[in-house]
Amino acid sequence: MSHFITQTPTDDFLATLVDYYFYVDISVDALDFEQEYIIPFPRITFGYFFDHPFLATNHDLNQSQTVSMVISRISSHKITVQPQSNQIKIIGAHVRPYTLAHLTQKSIADLPWLIDTEELFGDTAKRFRQKIDQCTDPEQMFDAVEKVFLDTLLTRDLSTITQAVDLIEQHAGDIKLTEVAQQLNVSERTLRNQFSANVGCTPKGYLQLVKLKKSVYDMRFSDHSLTDITYDSHYFDQAHFVNSVKRITGKSPKKLREELPSFRFLQF
């Protein structure tokens, strides 16, 4: 069996919310792995770590938490994760930025950078943990993840934020927020409020993360020069590219690219 397995949702509506489910089961020694830097990323990640918790550290807030079942909010904070045992075993999902707003009425901006799943969802999360622990293979686990999503979904009209995110991603971040607001026939204030409540960041912040995601993907999977990536990712010039990447990640594009070949079990 592969050490890293992914699966897309089978439910049509969930397929609009969930990029993919993932399962990882491998020893730390096999990866020569100590800790991983989480590149700021325009997706929400859910993860259950079984009996092999991780230490998650937010270096901007100088906070560390040992986690076993959490949801990470979209942010540009500098975060590292480190296994606390010699085994990495995770069932999880990468979901679109407004998916959490389909699961709770709470403002996403008011939630912490790491969301305790049991604290947010109570008995639903506890029953999910019990169900997952009884599964014998990844396919059963993916079915259990899909079921808990479907059972928890709320009926909400999130069409404005959904369309705004789609527009930004269709343009790979190369679109002005005034144009997004105009195309959706809403005010920029409404756009800001929608992002705060349903994504947890500003529309400008989200746009920057989308541009970063494209450039990081190209660094990882293409042999294009950083100069080419600068313009392919719609930065004004290389100085703007370097400054933007370093402001968000704390690393220069060159340094970031050097570190990307390492195993990345949470992203890309």
C-alpha atoms as a PDB file:
ATOM      1  CA  MET A   1       0.000   0.000   0.000  1.00  0.00           C
ATOM      2  CA  SER A   2       1.201   3.513  -0.778  1.00  0.00           C
ATOM      3  CA  HIS A   3       2.290   5.661   2.159  1.00  0.00           C
ATOM      4  CA  PHE A   4       0.230   8.578   0.801  1.00  0.00           C
ATOM      5  CA  ILE A   5      -3.272   8.053  -0.591  1.00  0.00           C
ATOM      6  CA  THR A   6      -5.762  10.639  -1.816  1.00  0.00           C
ATOM      7  CA  GLN A   7      -9.369  10.432  -2.886  1.00  0.00           C
ATOM      8  CA  THR A   8     -11.830  12.994  -4.207  1.00  0.00           C
ATOM      9  CA  PRO A   9     -15.397  13.144  -2.833  1.00  0.00           C
ATOM     10  CA  THR A  10     -18.051  10.928  -4.364  1.00  0.00           C
ATOM     11  CA  ASP A  11     -20.877  13.307  -3.450  1.00  0.00           C
ATOM     12  CA  ASP A  12     -21.398  15.987  -6.117  1.00  0.00           C
ATOM     13  CA  PHE A  13     -21.979  18.876  -3.700  1.00  0.00           C
ATOM     14  CA  LEU A  14     -19.054  17.905  -1.471  1.00  0.00           C
ATOM     15  CA  ALA A  15     -16.870  17.889  -4.578  1.00  0.00           C
ATOM     16  CA  THR A  16     -17.448  21.667  -4.743  1.00  0.00           C
ATOM     17  CA  LEU A  17     -16.193  22.040  -1.158  1.00  0.00           C
ATOM     18  CA  VAL A  18     -13.468  19.423  -0.727  1.00  0.00           C
ATOM     19  CA  ASP A  19     -10.358  19.299  -2.925  1.00  0.00           C
ATOM     20  CA  TYR A  20      -9.428  15.824  -1.697  1.00  0.00           C
ATOM     21  CA  TYR A  21      -9.199  13.526   1.311  1.00  0.00           C
ATOM     22  CA  PHE A  22      -5.750  12.207   2.201  1.00  0.00           C
ATOM     23  CA  TYR A  23      -4.258   9.411   4.276  1.00  0.00           C
ATOM     24  CA  VAL A  24      -0.628   9.147   5.411  1.00  0.00           C
ATOM     25  CA  ASP A  25       0.971   6.240   7.262  1.00  0.00           C
ATOM     26  CA  ILE A  26       4.765   6.126   7.392  1.00  0.00           C
ATOM     27  CA  SER A  27       7.550   6.162   9.953  1.00  0.00           C
ATOM     28  CA  VAL A  28       9.410   9.360  10.700  1.00  0.00           C
ATOM     29  CA  ASP A  29      12.716   7.535  10.142  1.00  0.00           C
ATOM     30  CA  ALA A  30      11.667   6.581   6.619  1.00  0.00           C
ATOM     31  CA  LEU A  31      11.306  10.264   5.794  1.00  0.00           C
ATOM     32  CA  ASP A  32      14.354  11.565   7.653  1.00  0.00           C
ATOM     33  CA  PHE A  33      11.863  14.084   8.979  1.00  0.00           C
ATOM     34  CA  GLU A  34      12.056  16.400  11.984  1.00  0.00           C
ATOM     35  CA  GLN A  35       9.621  19.215  11.310  1.00  0.00           C
ATOM     36  CA  GLU A  36       7.817  20.816   8.410  1.00  0.00           C
ATOM     37  CA  TYR A  37       7.156  24.460   7.704  1.00  0.00           C
ATOM     38  CA  ILE A  38       3.559  25.010   6.613  1.00  0.00           C
ATOM     39  CA  ILE A  39       3.565  27.402   3.690  1.00  0.00           C
ATOM     40  CA  PRO A  40       0.645  29.864   3.987  1.00  0.00           C
ATOM     41  CA  PHE A  41      -1.985  28.264   1.821  1.00  0.00           C
ATOM     42  CA  PRO A  42      -5.459  29.285   0.535  1.00  0.00           C
ATOM     43  CA  ARG A  43      -7.096  26.145   1.875  1.00  0.00           C
ATOM     44  CA  ILE A  44      -8.415  24.875   5.197  1.00  0.00           C
ATOM     45  CA  THR A  45      -6.933  21.583   6.397  1.00  0.00           C
ATOM     46  CA  PHE A  46      -8.627  19.023   8.635  1.00  0.00           C
ATOM     47  CA  GLY A  47      -6.445  16.354  10.202  1.00  0.00           C
ATOM     48  CA  TYR A  48      -6.825  13.481  12.681  1.00  0.00           C
ATOM     49  CA  PHE A  49      -3.469  12.165  13.875  1.00  0.00           C
ATOM     50  CA  PHE A  50      -4.627   8.966  15.641  1.00  0.00           C
ATOM     51  CA  ASP A  51      -2.262   8.078  18.507  1.00  0.00           C
ATOM     52  CA  HIS A  52       0.633   9.992  16.931  1.00  0.00           C
ATOM     53  CA  PRO A  53       0.094  13.659  17.821  1.00  0.00           C
ATOM     54  CA  PHE A  54       2.040  16.571  16.389  1.00  0.00           C
ATOM     55  CA  LEU A  55       3.359  19.728  17.982  1.00  0.00           C
ATOM     56  CA  ALA A  56       2.120  22.736  15.998  1.00  0.00           C
ATOM     57  CA  THR A  57       3.957  26.016  16.610  1.00  0.00           C
ATOM     58  CA  ASN A  58       2.769  29.440  15.496  1.00  0.00           C
ATOM     59  CA  HIS A  59       5.998  31.456  15.438  1.00  0.00           C
ATOM     60  CA  ASP A  60       4.185  34.762  14.885  1.00  0.00           C
ATOM     61  CA  LEU A  61       2.085  34.302  18.031  1.00  0.00           C
ATOM     62  CA  ASN A  62       4.777  32.359  19.934  1.00  0.00           C
ATOM     63  CA  GLN A  63       2.234  29.615  20.682  1.00  0.00           C
ATOM     64  CA  SER A  64       2.585  25.841  20.554  1.00  0.00           C
ATOM     65  CA  GLN A  65      -0.112  23.187  20.781  1.00  0.00           C
ATOM     66  CA  THR A  66      -0.014  19.398  20.772  1.00  0.00           C
ATOM     67  CA  VAL A  67      -2.715  18.340  18.339  1.00  0.00           C
ATOM     68  CA  SER A  68      -4.533  15.098  17.605  1.00  0.00           C
ATOM     69  CA  MET A  69      -7.667  16.280  15.743  1.00  0.00           C
ATOM     70  CA  VAL A  70      -7.778  19.845  14.467  1.00  0.00           C
ATOM     71  CA  ILE A  71      -8.780  22.211  11.695  1.00  0.00           C
ATOM     72  CA  SER A  72      -6.233  24.795  10.614  1.00  0.00           C
ATOM     73  CA  ARG A  73      -7.629  28.146   9.522  1.00  0.00           C
ATOM     74  CA  ILE A  74      -6.366  30.009   6.487  1.00  0.00           C
ATOM     75  CA  SER A  75      -3.632  32.390   7.642  1.00  0.00           C
ATOM     76  CA  SER A  76      -0.277  33.871   6.707  1.00  0.00           C
ATOM     77  CA  HIS A  77       1.210  32.973  10.092  1.00  0.00           C
ATOM     78  CA  LYS A  78       4.559  31.198  10.181  1.00  0.00           C
ATOM     79  CA  ILE A  79       3.736  27.706  11.408  1.00  0.00           C
ATOM     80  CA  THR A  80       5.780  24.525  11.807  1.00  0.00           C
ATOM     81  CA  VAL A  81       4.616  21.034  12.727  1.00  0.00           C
ATOM     82  CA  GLN A  82       6.694  18.333  14.366  1.00  0.00           C
ATOM     83  CA  PRO A  83       5.788  14.677  15.078  1.00  0.00           C
ATOM     84  CA  GLN A  84       5.806  13.624  18.720  1.00  0.00           C
ATOM     85  CA  SER A  85       6.313   9.935  17.991  1.00  0.00           C
ATOM     86  CA  ASN A  86       8.193   7.894  15.396  1.00  0.00           C
ATOM     87  CA  GLN A  87       5.101   7.384  13.246  1.00  0.00           C
ATOM     88  CA  ILE A  88       3.116   9.723  11.012  1.00  0.00           C
ATOM     89  CA  LYS A  89      -0.482   8.563  10.621  1.00  0.00           C
ATOM     90  CA  ILE A  90      -3.062  11.097   9.470  1.00  0.00           C
ATOM     91  CA  ILE A  91      -6.505  11.024   7.893  1.00  0.00           C
ATOM     92  CA  GLY A  92      -7.539  14.435   6.656  1.00  0.00           C
ATOM     93  CA  ALA A  93      -8.910  16.713   3.985  1.00  0.00           C
ATOM     94  CA  HIS A  94      -7.945  19.871   2.142  1.00  0.00           C
ATOM     95  CA  VAL A  95     -11.102  21.920   1.706  1.00  0.00           C
ATOM     96  CA  ARG A  96     -12.003  25.142  -0.030  1.00  0.00           C
ATOM     97  CA  PRO A  97     -11.749  28.371   1.971  1.00  0.00           C
ATOM     98  CA  TYR A  98     -15.484  28.770   2.658  1.00  0.00           C
ATOM     99  CA  THR A  99     -16.160  25.122   3.557  1.00  0.00           C
ATOM    100  CA  LEU A 100     -15.950  25.703   7.307  1.00  0.00           C
ATOM    101  CA  ALA A 101     -18.737  28.288   6.951  1.00  0.00           C
ATOM    102  CA  HIS A 102     -20.944  25.458   5.648  1.00  0.00           C
ATOM    103  CA  LEU A 103     -20.321  23.578   8.914  1.00  0.00           C
ATOM    104  CA  THR A 104     -20.737  26.279  11.587  1.00  0.00           C
ATOM    105  CA  GLN A 105     -22.663  29.526  12.044  1.00  0.00           C
ATOM    106  CA  LYS A 106     -19.743  31.077  13.937  1.00  0.00           C
ATOM    107  CA  SER A 107     -17.715  33.830  12.284  1.00  0.00           C
ATOM    108  CA  ILE A 108     -14.545  32.172  10.979  1.00  0.00           C
ATOM    109  CA  ALA A 109     -12.551  35.304  11.860  1.00  0.00           C
ATOM    110  CA  ASP A 110     -13.404  34.713  15.543  1.00  0.00           C
ATOM    111  CA  LEU A 111     -12.043  31.154  15.598  1.00  0.00           C
ATOM    112  CA  PRO A 112      -8.457  30.415  16.707  1.00  0.00           C
ATOM    113  CA  TRP A 113      -5.628  29.648  14.263  1.00  0.00           C
ATOM    114  CA  LEU A 114      -5.940  25.973  15.233  1.00  0.00           C
ATOM    115  CA  ILE A 115      -9.495  24.866  15.854  1.00  0.00           C
ATOM    116  CA  ASP A 116     -10.113  22.035  18.314  1.00  0.00           C
ATOM    117  CA  THR A 117     -12.556  19.862  16.369  1.00  0.00           C
ATOM    118  CA  GLU A 118     -14.230  18.409  19.438  1.00  0.00           C
ATOM    119  CA  GLU A 119     -14.643  21.870  20.968  1.00  0.00           C
ATOM    120  CA  LEU A 120     -16.323  23.172  17.808  1.00  0.00           C
ATOM    121  CA  PHE A 121     -18.440  20.143  16.862  1.00  0.00           C
ATOM    122  CA  GLY A 122     -18.875  18.354  20.211  1.00  0.00           C
ATOM    123  CA  ASP A 123     -20.377  14.872  20.102  1.00  0.00           C
ATOM    124  CA  THR A 124     -20.255  14.784  16.287  1.00  0.00           C
ATOM    125  CA  ALA A 125     -16.447  14.957  16.426  1.00  0.00           C
ATOM    126  CA  LYS A 126     -16.263  12.395  19.236  1.00  0.00           C
ATOM    127  CA  ARG A 127     -18.411   9.922  17.277  1.00  0.00           C
ATOM    128  CA  PHE A 128     -16.251  10.514  14.208  1.00  0.00           C
ATOM    129  CA  ARG A 129     -13.080   9.708  16.178  1.00  0.00           C
ATOM    130  CA  GLN A 130     -14.634   6.468  17.423  1.00  0.00           C
ATOM    131  CA  LYS A 131     -15.742   5.525  13.897  1.00  0.00           C
ATOM    132  CA  ILE A 132     -12.331   6.223  12.348  1.00  0.00           C
ATOM    133  CA  ASP A 133     -10.545   4.203  15.030  1.00  0.00           C
ATOM    134  CA  GLN A 134     -12.669   1.197  14.036  1.00  0.00           C
ATOM    135  CA  CYS A 135     -11.825   1.452  10.324  1.00  0.00           C
ATOM    136  CA  THR A 136      -9.419  -1.099   8.897  1.00  0.00           C
ATOM    137  CA  ASP A 137      -8.379   0.566   5.623  1.00  0.00           C
ATOM    138  CA  PRO A 138      -8.134   4.056   4.078  1.00  0.00           C
ATOM    139  CA  GLU A 139     -11.215   3.569   1.887  1.00  0.00           C
ATOM    140  CA  GLN A 140     -13.373   3.039   4.978  1.00  0.00           C
ATOM    141  CA  MET A 141     -11.797   6.121   6.544  1.00  0.00           C
ATOM    142  CA  PHE A 142     -12.530   8.252   3.480  1.00  0.00           C
ATOM    143  CA  ASP A 143     -16.157   7.068   3.603  1.00  0.00           C
ATOM    144  CA  ALA A 144     -16.333   8.064   7.276  1.00  0.00           C
ATOM    145  CA  VAL A 145     -14.865  11.510   6.561  1.00  0.00           C
ATOM    146  CA  GLU A 146     -17.362  12.046   3.747  1.00  0.00           C
ATOM    147  CA  LYS A 147     -20.269  10.961   5.957  1.00  0.00           C
ATOM    148  CA  VAL A 148     -19.352  13.346   8.778  1.00  0.00           C
ATOM    149  CA  PHE A 149     -19.109  16.221   6.285  1.00  0.00           C
ATOM    150  CA  LEU A 150     -22.533  15.385   4.836  1.00  0.00           C
ATOM    151  CA  ASP A 151     -24.106  14.959   8.285  1.00  0.00           C
ATOM    152  CA  THR A 152     -22.725  18.310   9.496  1.00  0.00           C
ATOM    153  CA  LEU A 153     -23.501  20.513   6.478  1.00  0.00           C
ATOM    154  CA  LEU A 154     -25.755  23.489   7.193  1.00  0.00           C
ATOM    155  CA  THR A 155     -28.209  25.038   4.756  1.00  0.00           C
ATOM    156  CA  ARG A 156     -26.667  28.458   4.051  1.00  0.00           C
ATOM    157  CA  ASP A 157     -26.552  30.852   1.140  1.00  0.00           C
ATOM    158  CA  LEU A 158     -22.833  31.430   0.605  1.00  0.00           C
ATOM    159  CA  SER A 159     -23.121  32.251  -3.086  1.00  0.00           C
ATOM    160  CA  THR A 160     -21.411  35.659  -2.804  1.00  0.00           C
ATOM    161  CA  ILE A 161     -18.261  34.369  -1.124  1.00  0.00           C
ATOM    162  CA  THR A 162     -18.232  31.272  -3.349  1.00  0.00           C
ATOM    163  CA  GLN A 163     -18.341  33.393  -6.493  1.00  0.00           C
ATOM    164  CA  ALA A 164     -15.736  35.822  -5.128  1.00  0.00           C
ATOM    165  CA  VAL A 165     -13.287  33.017  -4.353  1.00  0.00           C
ATOM    166  CA  ASP A 166     -13.919  31.406  -7.744  1.00  0.00           C
ATOM    167  CA  LEU A 167     -13.197  34.689  -9.540  1.00  0.00           C
ATOM    168  CA  ILE A 168      -9.948  35.219  -7.646  1.00  0.00           C
ATOM    169  CA  GLU A 169      -8.801  31.660  -8.317  1.00  0.00           C
ATOM    170  CA  GLN A 170      -9.823  31.719 -11.986  1.00  0.00           C
ATOM    171  CA  HIS A 171      -7.549  34.743 -12.405  1.00  0.00           C
ATOM    172  CA  ALA A 172      -4.780  33.163 -10.262  1.00  0.00           C
ATOM    173  CA  GLY A 173      -4.937  36.234  -8.036  1.00  0.00           C
ATOM    174  CA  ASP A 174      -4.425  38.653 -10.929  1.00  0.00           C
ATOM    175  CA  ILE A 175      -7.637  40.626 -10.465  1.00  0.00           C
ATOM    176  CA  LYS A 176      -8.419  43.834  -8.602  1.00  0.00           C
ATOM    177  CA  LEU A 177     -10.815  43.584  -5.693  1.00  0.00           C
ATOM    178  CA  THR A 178     -12.835  46.464  -7.115  1.00  0.00           C
ATOM    179  CA  GLU A 179     -13.414  44.321 -10.208  1.00  0.00           C
ATOM    180  CA  VAL A 180     -14.478  41.341  -8.096  1.00  0.00           C
ATOM    181  CA  ALA A 181     -16.994  43.522  -6.264  1.00  0.00           C
ATOM    182  CA  GLN A 182     -18.285  45.009  -9.523  1.00  0.00           C
ATOM    183  CA  GLN A 183     -18.734  41.621 -11.190  1.00  0.00           C
ATOM    184  CA  LEU A 184     -20.699  40.380  -8.177  1.00  0.00           C
ATOM    185  CA  ASN A 185     -22.680  43.625  -7.904  1.00  0.00           C
ATOM    186  CA  VAL A 186     -21.715  44.126  -4.245  1.00  0.00           C
ATOM    187  CA  SER A 187     -19.768  46.814  -2.404  1.00  0.00           C
ATOM    188  CA  GLU A 188     -16.146  46.308  -1.390  1.00  0.00           C
ATOM    189  CA  ARG A 189     -17.299  46.574   2.211  1.00  0.00           C
ATOM    190  CA  THR A 190     -19.680  43.653   1.668  1.00  0.00           C
ATOM    191  CA  LEU A 191     -16.812  41.711   0.110  1.00  0.00           C
ATOM    192  CA  ARG A 192     -14.592  42.373   3.145  1.00  0.00           C
ATOM    193  CA  ASN A 193     -17.378  41.339   5.522  1.00  0.00           C
ATOM    194  CA  GLN A 194     -18.041  38.159   3.557  1.00  0.00           C
ATOM    195  CA  PHE A 195     -14.382  37.155   3.653  1.00  0.00           C
ATOM    196  CA  SER A 196     -14.045  37.911   7.358  1.00  0.00           C
ATOM    197  CA  ALA A 197     -17.133  35.934   8.369  1.00  0.00           C
ATOM    198  CA  ASN A 198     -16.866  33.011   5.946  1.00  0.00           C
ATOM    199  CA  VAL A 199     -13.129  32.631   5.208  1.00  0.00           C
ATOM    200  CA  GLY A 200     -11.449  34.333   8.140  1.00  0.00           C
ATOM    201  CA  CYS A 201      -9.102  36.652   6.267  1.00  0.00           C
ATOM    202  CA  THR A 202      -9.325  39.798   4.153  1.00  0.00           C
ATOM    203  CA  PRO A 203      -9.990  39.533   0.409  1.00  0.00           C
ATOM    204  CA  LYS A 204      -6.586  41.144  -0.204  1.00  0.00           C
ATOM    205  CA  GLY A 205      -4.934  38.560   2.027  1.00  0.00           C
ATOM    206  CA  TYR A 206      -6.689  35.757   0.180  1.00  0.00           C
ATOM    207  CA  LEU A 207      -5.651  37.150  -3.192  1.00  0.00           C
ATOM    208  CA  GLN A 208      -2.013  37.193  -2.031  1.00  0.00           C
ATOM    209  CA  LEU A 209      -2.220  33.573  -0.883  1.00  0.00           C
ATOM    210  CA  VAL A 210      -3.620  32.490  -4.255  1.00  0.00           C
ATOM    211  CA  LYS A 211      -0.716  34.162  -6.038  1.00  0.00           C
ATOM    212  CA  LEU A 212       1.728  32.556  -3.597  1.00  0.00           C
ATOM    213  CA  LYS A 213       0.203  29.117  -4.164  1.00  0.00           C
ATOM    214  CA  LYS A 214       0.726  29.400  -7.930  1.00  0.00           C
ATOM    215  CA  SER A 215       4.321  30.523  -7.594  1.00  0.00           C
ATOM    216  CA  VAL A 216       5.160  27.804  -5.043  1.00  0.00           C
ATOM    217  CA  TYR A 217       3.537  25.161  -7.247  1.00  0.00           C
ATOM    218  CA  ASP A 218       5.687  26.320 -10.178  1.00  0.00           C
ATOM    219  CA  MET A 219       8.807  26.282  -8.002  1.00  0.00           C
ATOM    220  CA  ARG A 220       8.071  22.684  -7.045  1.00  0.00           C
ATOM    221  CA  PHE A 221       6.879  21.192 -10.314  1.00  0.00           C
ATOM    222  CA  SER A 222       8.573  23.197 -13.059  1.00  0.00           C
ATOM    223  CA  ASP A 223      12.147  24.044 -13.991  1.00  0.00           C
ATOM    224  CA  HIS A 224      11.214  27.659 -14.785  1.00  0.00           C
ATOM    225  CA  SER A 225      13.563  30.326 -13.497  1.00  0.00           C
ATOM    226  CA  LEU A 226      12.432  32.509 -10.613  1.00  0.00           C
ATOM    227  CA  THR A 227      12.302  35.390 -13.078  1.00  0.00           C
ATOM    228  CA  ASP A 228       9.858  33.482 -15.293  1.00  0.00           C
ATOM    229  CA  ILE A 229       7.803  32.476 -12.253  1.00  0.00           C
ATOM    230  CA  THR A 230       7.663  36.129 -11.192  1.00  0.00           C
ATOM    231  CA  TYR A 231       5.834  37.157 -14.344  1.00  0.00           C
ATOM    232  CA  ASP A 232       3.862  33.924 -14.746  1.00  0.00           C
ATOM    233  CA  SER A 233       2.452  34.571 -11.266  1.00  0.00           C
ATOM    234  CA  HIS A 234       1.560  38.165 -12.191  1.00  0.00           C
ATOM    235  CA  TYR A 235       3.975  40.013  -9.923  1.00  0.00           C
ATOM    236  CA  PHE A 236       4.997  43.465 -11.141  1.00  0.00           C
ATOM    237  CA  ASP A 237       8.719  42.675 -11.078  1.00  0.00           C
ATOM    238  CA  GLN A 238      11.188  40.377  -9.322  1.00  0.00           C
ATOM    239  CA  ALA A 239      11.722  42.754  -6.394  1.00  0.00           C
ATOM    240  CA  HIS A 240       7.957  42.768  -5.772  1.00  0.00           C
ATOM    241  CA  PHE A 241       7.915  38.968  -6.012  1.00  0.00           C
ATOM    242  CA  VAL A 242      10.810  38.534  -3.560  1.00  0.00           C
ATOM    243  CA  ASN A 243       9.390  41.021  -1.071  1.00  0.00           C
ATOM    244  CA  SER A 244       5.889  39.558  -1.233  1.00  0.00           C
ATOM    245  CA  VAL A 245       7.035  35.953  -0.770  1.00  0.00           C
ATOM    246  CA  LYS A 246       9.393  36.888   2.047  1.00  0.00           C
ATOM    247  CA  ARG A 247       6.748  38.979   3.822  1.00  0.00           C
ATOM    248  CA  ILE A 248       4.284  36.090   3.857  1.00  0.00           C
ATOM    249  CA  THR A 249       6.614  33.133   4.378  1.00  0.00           C
ATOM    250  CA  GLY A 250       9.670  34.645   6.047  1.00  0.00           C
ATOM    251  CA  LYS A 251      11.821  33.068   3.329  1.00  0.00           C
ATOM    252  CA  SER A 252      13.147  34.277  -0.001  1.00  0.00           C
ATOM    253  CA  PRO A 253      11.855  32.478  -3.126  1.00  0.00           C
ATOM    254  CA  LYS A 254      15.323  30.978  -3.627  1.00  0.00           C
ATOM    255  CA  LYS A 255      15.418  29.588  -0.082  1.00  0.00           C
ATOM    256  CA  LEU A 256      11.842  28.366  -0.311  1.00  0.00           C
ATOM    257  CA  ARG A 257      12.560  26.527  -3.548  1.00  0.00           C
ATOM    258  CA  GLU A 258      15.620  24.839  -2.054  1.00  0.00           C
ATOM    259  CA  GLU A 259      13.506  23.424   0.764  1.00  0.00           C
ATOM    260  CA  LEU A 260      10.543  22.290  -1.340  1.00  0.00           C
ATOM    261  CA  PRO A 261      11.873  18.891  -2.486  1.00  0.00           C
ATOM    262  CA  SER A 262      11.500  17.627   1.081  1.00  0.00           C
ATOM    263  CA  PHE A 263       8.470  15.405   1.703  1.00  0.00           C
ATOM    264  CA  ARG A 264       5.345  17.541   2.185  1.00  0.00           C
ATOM    265  CA  PHE A 265       2.504  15.545   3.664  1.00  0.00           C
ATOM    266  CA  LEU A 266       0.159  18.464   4.313  1.00  0.00           C
ATOM    267  CA  GLN A 267       0.512  20.514   1.115  1.00  0.00           C
ATOM    268  CA  PHE A 268       1.234  20.330  -2.606  1.00  0.00           C
END
